[in-house]
Amino acid sequence: MNTETDMSSKQNSTTADTTQTMITINELIEEFEFLHDWEERCDFLIDLGFELPDMPESDKTEANRVHGCQSMVWLTTELKNREGENVLHINADSDALIVKGLIAVLLAIYNDKTPKEILKTDVRQYFSQLQLDKYLSSQRKNGLFGMVERVQREARHVAEGI
């Protein structure tokens, strides 16, 4: 993957403004504490997936596809300036409802964070708190970690270029 080309093409794409406020990871953890079983949590994740910002069809390409996922998942990143700092803005989509919810979790953890913040985040701790490590099938976990690896790879690339 040629990240320099991908980053510039993503910046020029007609992506929707996805700066709207999504749920934070702390809000997500609090919400999960009030839900009594995995079925309720799964329903909540699906609801979160419906709130994802739209991804333009033009971004749903093989180059943006996250491999290792059971479902189709596309993920793009864009470097943005937030209060004088470069942050990685993430846009992603899937053809599966539960995966859209997992994308919302990923965004709650990583979206609009600096590359250094992304690279030092202990994502496994969050997944454990949300019990995703316990209830997701091995295929779903592989896909989730495929998305994590993709975001971390983009963050490493940006961090090395700064």
C-alpha atoms as a PDB file:
ATOM      1  CA  MET A   1       0.000   0.000   0.000  1.00  0.00           C
ATOM      2  CA  ASN A   2       1.413   3.358  -0.944  1.00  0.00           C
ATOM      3  CA  THR A   3       0.397   5.397   2.064  1.00  0.00           C
ATOM      4  CA  GLU A   4       1.601   8.729   0.713  1.00  0.00           C
ATOM      5  CA  THR A   5      -0.584   8.327  -2.350  1.00  0.00           C
ATOM      6  CA  ASP A   6      -3.449   6.963  -0.267  1.00  0.00           C
ATOM      7  CA  MET A   7      -3.218   9.814   2.248  1.00  0.00           C
ATOM      8  CA  SER A   8      -3.329  12.463  -0.453  1.00  0.00           C
ATOM      9  CA  SER A   9      -6.126  10.779  -2.358  1.00  0.00           C
ATOM     10  CA  LYS A  10      -8.112  10.482   0.833  1.00  0.00           C
ATOM     11  CA  GLN A  11      -7.612  14.135   1.584  1.00  0.00           C
ATOM     12  CA  ASN A  12      -8.977  14.980  -1.851  1.00  0.00           C
ATOM     13  CA  SER A  13     -11.908  12.578  -1.685  1.00  0.00           C
ATOM     14  CA  THR A  14     -15.420  13.800  -1.184  1.00  0.00           C
ATOM     15  CA  THR A  15     -15.704  12.424   2.323  1.00  0.00           C
ATOM     16  CA  ALA A  16     -18.528  13.662   4.456  1.00  0.00           C
ATOM     17  CA  ASP A  17     -17.682  15.833   7.426  1.00  0.00           C
ATOM     18  CA  THR A  18     -17.196  13.217  10.107  1.00  0.00           C
ATOM     19  CA  THR A  19     -16.200  15.572  12.873  1.00  0.00           C
ATOM     20  CA  GLN A  20     -19.579  15.100  14.510  1.00  0.00           C
ATOM     21  CA  THR A  21     -19.321  13.899  18.060  1.00  0.00           C
ATOM     22  CA  MET A  22     -19.358  10.153  18.429  1.00  0.00           C
ATOM     23  CA  ILE A  23     -19.410   8.329  21.731  1.00  0.00           C
ATOM     24  CA  THR A  24     -16.164   8.454  23.709  1.00  0.00           C
ATOM     25  CA  ILE A  25     -14.505   5.317  24.989  1.00  0.00           C
ATOM     26  CA  ASN A  26     -15.269   6.294  28.595  1.00  0.00           C
ATOM     27  CA  GLU A  27     -18.954   6.820  27.755  1.00  0.00           C
ATOM     28  CA  LEU A  28     -18.972   3.481  25.973  1.00  0.00           C
ATOM     29  CA  ILE A  29     -17.479   1.686  28.978  1.00  0.00           C
ATOM     30  CA  GLU A  30     -20.019   3.347  31.300  1.00  0.00           C
ATOM     31  CA  GLU A  31     -22.882   2.359  29.005  1.00  0.00           C
ATOM     32  CA  PHE A  32     -21.674  -1.246  28.858  1.00  0.00           C
ATOM     33  CA  GLU A  33     -21.622  -1.373  32.672  1.00  0.00           C
ATOM     34  CA  PHE A  34     -25.374  -0.710  32.713  1.00  0.00           C
ATOM     35  CA  LEU A  35     -26.168  -3.367  30.132  1.00  0.00           C
ATOM     36  CA  HIS A  36     -26.704  -6.717  31.779  1.00  0.00           C
ATOM     37  CA  ASP A  37     -25.802  -9.275  29.153  1.00  0.00           C
ATOM     38  CA  TRP A  38     -23.988  -9.691  25.870  1.00  0.00           C
ATOM     39  CA  GLU A  39     -27.219  -9.593  23.855  1.00  0.00           C
ATOM     40  CA  GLU A  40     -28.008  -6.095  25.179  1.00  0.00           C
ATOM     41  CA  ARG A  41     -24.426  -4.996  24.522  1.00  0.00           C
ATOM     42  CA  CYS A  42     -24.534  -6.425  21.016  1.00  0.00           C
ATOM     43  CA  ASP A  43     -27.785  -4.544  20.319  1.00  0.00           C
ATOM     44  CA  PHE A  44     -26.154  -1.362  21.608  1.00  0.00           C
ATOM     45  CA  LEU A  45     -23.125  -1.910  19.339  1.00  0.00           C
ATOM     46  CA  ILE A  46     -25.422  -2.345  16.361  1.00  0.00           C
ATOM     47  CA  ASP A  47     -27.199   0.893  17.282  1.00  0.00           C
ATOM     48  CA  LEU A  48     -23.829   2.656  17.427  1.00  0.00           C
ATOM     49  CA  GLY A  49     -23.051   1.332  13.977  1.00  0.00           C
ATOM     50  CA  PHE A  50     -26.102   3.091  12.587  1.00  0.00           C
ATOM     51  CA  GLU A  51     -24.633   6.386  13.847  1.00  0.00           C
ATOM     52  CA  LEU A  52     -21.391   6.025  11.908  1.00  0.00           C
ATOM     53  CA  PRO A  53     -20.696   8.832   9.460  1.00  0.00           C
ATOM     54  CA  ASP A  54     -21.334   7.827   5.868  1.00  0.00           C
ATOM     55  CA  MET A  55     -18.398   6.667   3.810  1.00  0.00           C
ATOM     56  CA  PRO A  56     -18.549   7.635   0.160  1.00  0.00           C
ATOM     57  CA  GLU A  57     -18.853   4.703  -2.222  1.00  0.00           C
ATOM     58  CA  SER A  58     -15.741   6.015  -3.990  1.00  0.00           C
ATOM     59  CA  ASP A  59     -13.713   5.184  -0.842  1.00  0.00           C
ATOM     60  CA  LYS A  60     -14.941   1.578  -0.756  1.00  0.00           C
ATOM     61  CA  THR A  61     -12.053   0.284  -2.832  1.00  0.00           C
ATOM     62  CA  GLU A  62      -9.735  -2.674  -2.575  1.00  0.00           C
ATOM     63  CA  ALA A  63      -6.913  -0.332  -1.506  1.00  0.00           C
ATOM     64  CA  ASN A  64      -8.991   0.791   1.495  1.00  0.00           C
ATOM     65  CA  ARG A  65     -10.231  -2.675   2.403  1.00  0.00           C
ATOM     66  CA  VAL A  66      -9.119  -4.163   5.709  1.00  0.00           C
ATOM     67  CA  HIS A  67      -8.022  -7.718   5.094  1.00  0.00           C
ATOM     68  CA  GLY A  68      -8.513 -10.433   7.685  1.00  0.00           C
ATOM     69  CA  CYS A  69     -12.094  -9.432   8.368  1.00  0.00           C
ATOM     70  CA  GLN A  70     -14.907 -11.909   7.845  1.00  0.00           C
ATOM     71  CA  SER A  71     -17.044  -9.061   6.484  1.00  0.00           C
ATOM     72  CA  MET A  72     -16.166  -6.338   4.043  1.00  0.00           C
ATOM     73  CA  VAL A  73     -14.519  -3.448   5.909  1.00  0.00           C
ATOM     74  CA  TRP A  74     -13.097  -0.279   4.411  1.00  0.00           C
ATOM     75  CA  LEU A  75     -10.997   2.178   6.363  1.00  0.00           C
ATOM     76  CA  THR A  76      -9.437   5.488   5.415  1.00  0.00           C
ATOM     77  CA  THR A  77      -7.375   7.904   7.424  1.00  0.00           C
ATOM     78  CA  GLU A  78      -6.715  11.567   6.950  1.00  0.00           C
ATOM     79  CA  LEU A  79      -4.253  13.796   8.713  1.00  0.00           C
ATOM     80  CA  LYS A  80      -5.968  16.837  10.200  1.00  0.00           C
ATOM     81  CA  ASN A  81      -4.816  19.728  12.313  1.00  0.00           C
ATOM     82  CA  ARG A  82      -6.426  20.070  15.740  1.00  0.00           C
ATOM     83  CA  GLU A  83      -5.293  22.999  17.825  1.00  0.00           C
ATOM     84  CA  GLY A  84      -1.849  22.961  16.238  1.00  0.00           C
ATOM     85  CA  GLU A  85      -1.395  19.189  16.470  1.00  0.00           C
ATOM     86  CA  ASN A  86      -1.659  16.629  13.693  1.00  0.00           C
ATOM     87  CA  VAL A  87      -4.352  14.063  14.424  1.00  0.00           C
ATOM     88  CA  LEU A  88      -5.437  11.020  12.502  1.00  0.00           C
ATOM     89  CA  HIS A  89      -9.055  11.197  11.418  1.00  0.00           C
ATOM     90  CA  ILE A  90     -10.579   7.807  10.640  1.00  0.00           C
ATOM     91  CA  ASN A  91     -13.534   6.942   8.472  1.00  0.00           C
ATOM     92  CA  ALA A  92     -14.655   3.345   8.115  1.00  0.00           C
ATOM     93  CA  ASP A  93     -17.612   1.257   7.043  1.00  0.00           C
ATOM     94  CA  SER A  94     -18.670  -2.359   6.778  1.00  0.00           C
ATOM     95  CA  ASP A  95     -21.366  -4.436   5.178  1.00  0.00           C
ATOM     96  CA  ALA A  96     -22.149  -6.108   8.541  1.00  0.00           C
ATOM     97  CA  LEU A  97     -24.119  -4.444  11.323  1.00  0.00           C
ATOM     98  CA  ILE A  98     -22.102  -5.790  14.257  1.00  0.00           C
ATOM     99  CA  VAL A  99     -18.865  -4.808  12.528  1.00  0.00           C
ATOM    100  CA  LYS A 100     -20.186  -1.259  12.091  1.00  0.00           C
ATOM    101  CA  GLY A 101     -20.607  -1.253  15.883  1.00  0.00           C
ATOM    102  CA  LEU A 102     -17.043  -2.483  16.324  1.00  0.00           C
ATOM    103  CA  ILE A 103     -15.912   0.338  14.050  1.00  0.00           C
ATOM    104  CA  ALA A 104     -17.696   2.745  16.414  1.00  0.00           C
ATOM    105  CA  VAL A 105     -15.627   1.255  19.267  1.00  0.00           C
ATOM    106  CA  LEU A 106     -12.467   1.708  17.217  1.00  0.00           C
ATOM    107  CA  LEU A 107     -13.391   5.337  16.528  1.00  0.00           C
ATOM    108  CA  ALA A 108     -14.123   5.935  20.213  1.00  0.00           C
ATOM    109  CA  ILE A 109     -10.611   4.761  21.022  1.00  0.00           C
ATOM    110  CA  TYR A 110      -8.559   6.203  18.158  1.00  0.00           C
ATOM    111  CA  ASN A 111     -10.360   8.840  16.116  1.00  0.00           C
ATOM    112  CA  ASP A 112      -8.849  12.324  16.044  1.00  0.00           C
ATOM    113  CA  LYS A 113      -5.931  11.327  18.274  1.00  0.00           C
ATOM    114  CA  THR A 114      -2.306  12.155  17.590  1.00  0.00           C
ATOM    115  CA  PRO A 115      -0.176   9.352  16.161  1.00  0.00           C
ATOM    116  CA  LYS A 116       1.694   9.174  19.493  1.00  0.00           C
ATOM    117  CA  GLU A 117      -1.589   8.836  21.416  1.00  0.00           C
ATOM    118  CA  ILE A 118      -2.697   6.056  19.079  1.00  0.00           C
ATOM    119  CA  LEU A 119       0.561   4.154  19.375  1.00  0.00           C
ATOM    120  CA  LYS A 120       0.647   4.294  23.178  1.00  0.00           C
ATOM    121  CA  THR A 121      -3.004   3.254  23.638  1.00  0.00           C
ATOM    122  CA  ASP A 122      -3.527  -0.161  25.221  1.00  0.00           C
ATOM    123  CA  VAL A 123      -6.423  -1.235  23.037  1.00  0.00           C
ATOM    124  CA  ARG A 124      -6.563  -4.712  24.589  1.00  0.00           C
ATOM    125  CA  GLN A 125      -7.402  -3.139  27.951  1.00  0.00           C
ATOM    126  CA  TYR A 126     -10.432  -1.423  26.413  1.00  0.00           C
ATOM    127  CA  PHE A 127     -11.530  -4.583  24.613  1.00  0.00           C
ATOM    128  CA  SER A 128     -11.258  -6.464  27.902  1.00  0.00           C
ATOM    129  CA  GLN A 129     -13.290  -3.831  29.783  1.00  0.00           C
ATOM    130  CA  LEU A 130     -15.975  -4.069  27.105  1.00  0.00           C
ATOM    131  CA  GLN A 131     -15.691  -7.891  27.196  1.00  0.00           C
ATOM    132  CA  LEU A 132     -15.172  -7.963  23.448  1.00  0.00           C
ATOM    133  CA  ASP A 133     -12.327 -10.408  24.004  1.00  0.00           C
ATOM    134  CA  LYS A 134     -14.773 -12.728  25.755  1.00  0.00           C
ATOM    135  CA  TYR A 135     -17.839 -12.631  23.498  1.00  0.00           C
ATOM    136  CA  LEU A 136     -16.626 -12.050  19.956  1.00  0.00           C
ATOM    137  CA  SER A 137     -15.966 -15.033  17.736  1.00  0.00           C
ATOM    138  CA  SER A 138     -12.351 -15.612  16.789  1.00  0.00           C
ATOM    139  CA  GLN A 139     -13.109 -14.404  13.242  1.00  0.00           C
ATOM    140  CA  ARG A 140     -14.622 -11.150  14.542  1.00  0.00           C
ATOM    141  CA  LYS A 141     -11.657 -10.656  16.897  1.00  0.00           C
ATOM    142  CA  ASN A 142      -9.254 -11.196  13.994  1.00  0.00           C
ATOM    143  CA  GLY A 143     -11.114  -8.603  11.968  1.00  0.00           C
ATOM    144  CA  LEU A 144     -11.162  -6.136  14.854  1.00  0.00           C
ATOM    145  CA  PHE A 145      -7.429  -6.542  15.359  1.00  0.00           C
ATOM    146  CA  GLY A 146      -6.947  -6.176  11.612  1.00  0.00           C
ATOM    147  CA  MET A 147      -8.574  -2.744  11.895  1.00  0.00           C
ATOM    148  CA  VAL A 148      -6.417  -1.912  14.930  1.00  0.00           C
ATOM    149  CA  GLU A 149      -3.249  -2.922  13.065  1.00  0.00           C
ATOM    150  CA  ARG A 150      -4.255  -0.806  10.083  1.00  0.00           C
ATOM    151  CA  VAL A 151      -4.821   2.307  12.239  1.00  0.00           C
ATOM    152  CA  GLN A 152      -1.570   1.728  14.131  1.00  0.00           C
ATOM    153  CA  ARG A 153       0.332   1.257  10.864  1.00  0.00           C
ATOM    154  CA  GLU A 154      -1.069   4.572   9.561  1.00  0.00           C
ATOM    155  CA  ALA A 155      -0.154   6.267  12.859  1.00  0.00           C
ATOM    156  CA  ARG A 156       3.407   4.870  12.706  1.00  0.00           C
ATOM    157  CA  HIS A 157       3.752   6.109   9.128  1.00  0.00           C
ATOM    158  CA  VAL A 158       2.594   9.600  10.059  1.00  0.00           C
ATOM    159  CA  ALA A 159       4.734   9.668  13.218  1.00  0.00           C
ATOM    160  CA  GLU A 160       7.848   8.729  11.242  1.00  0.00           C
ATOM    161  CA  GLY A 161       7.115  11.478   8.725  1.00  0.00           C
ATOM    162  CA  ILE A 162       6.739  14.219  11.344  1.00  0.00           C
END
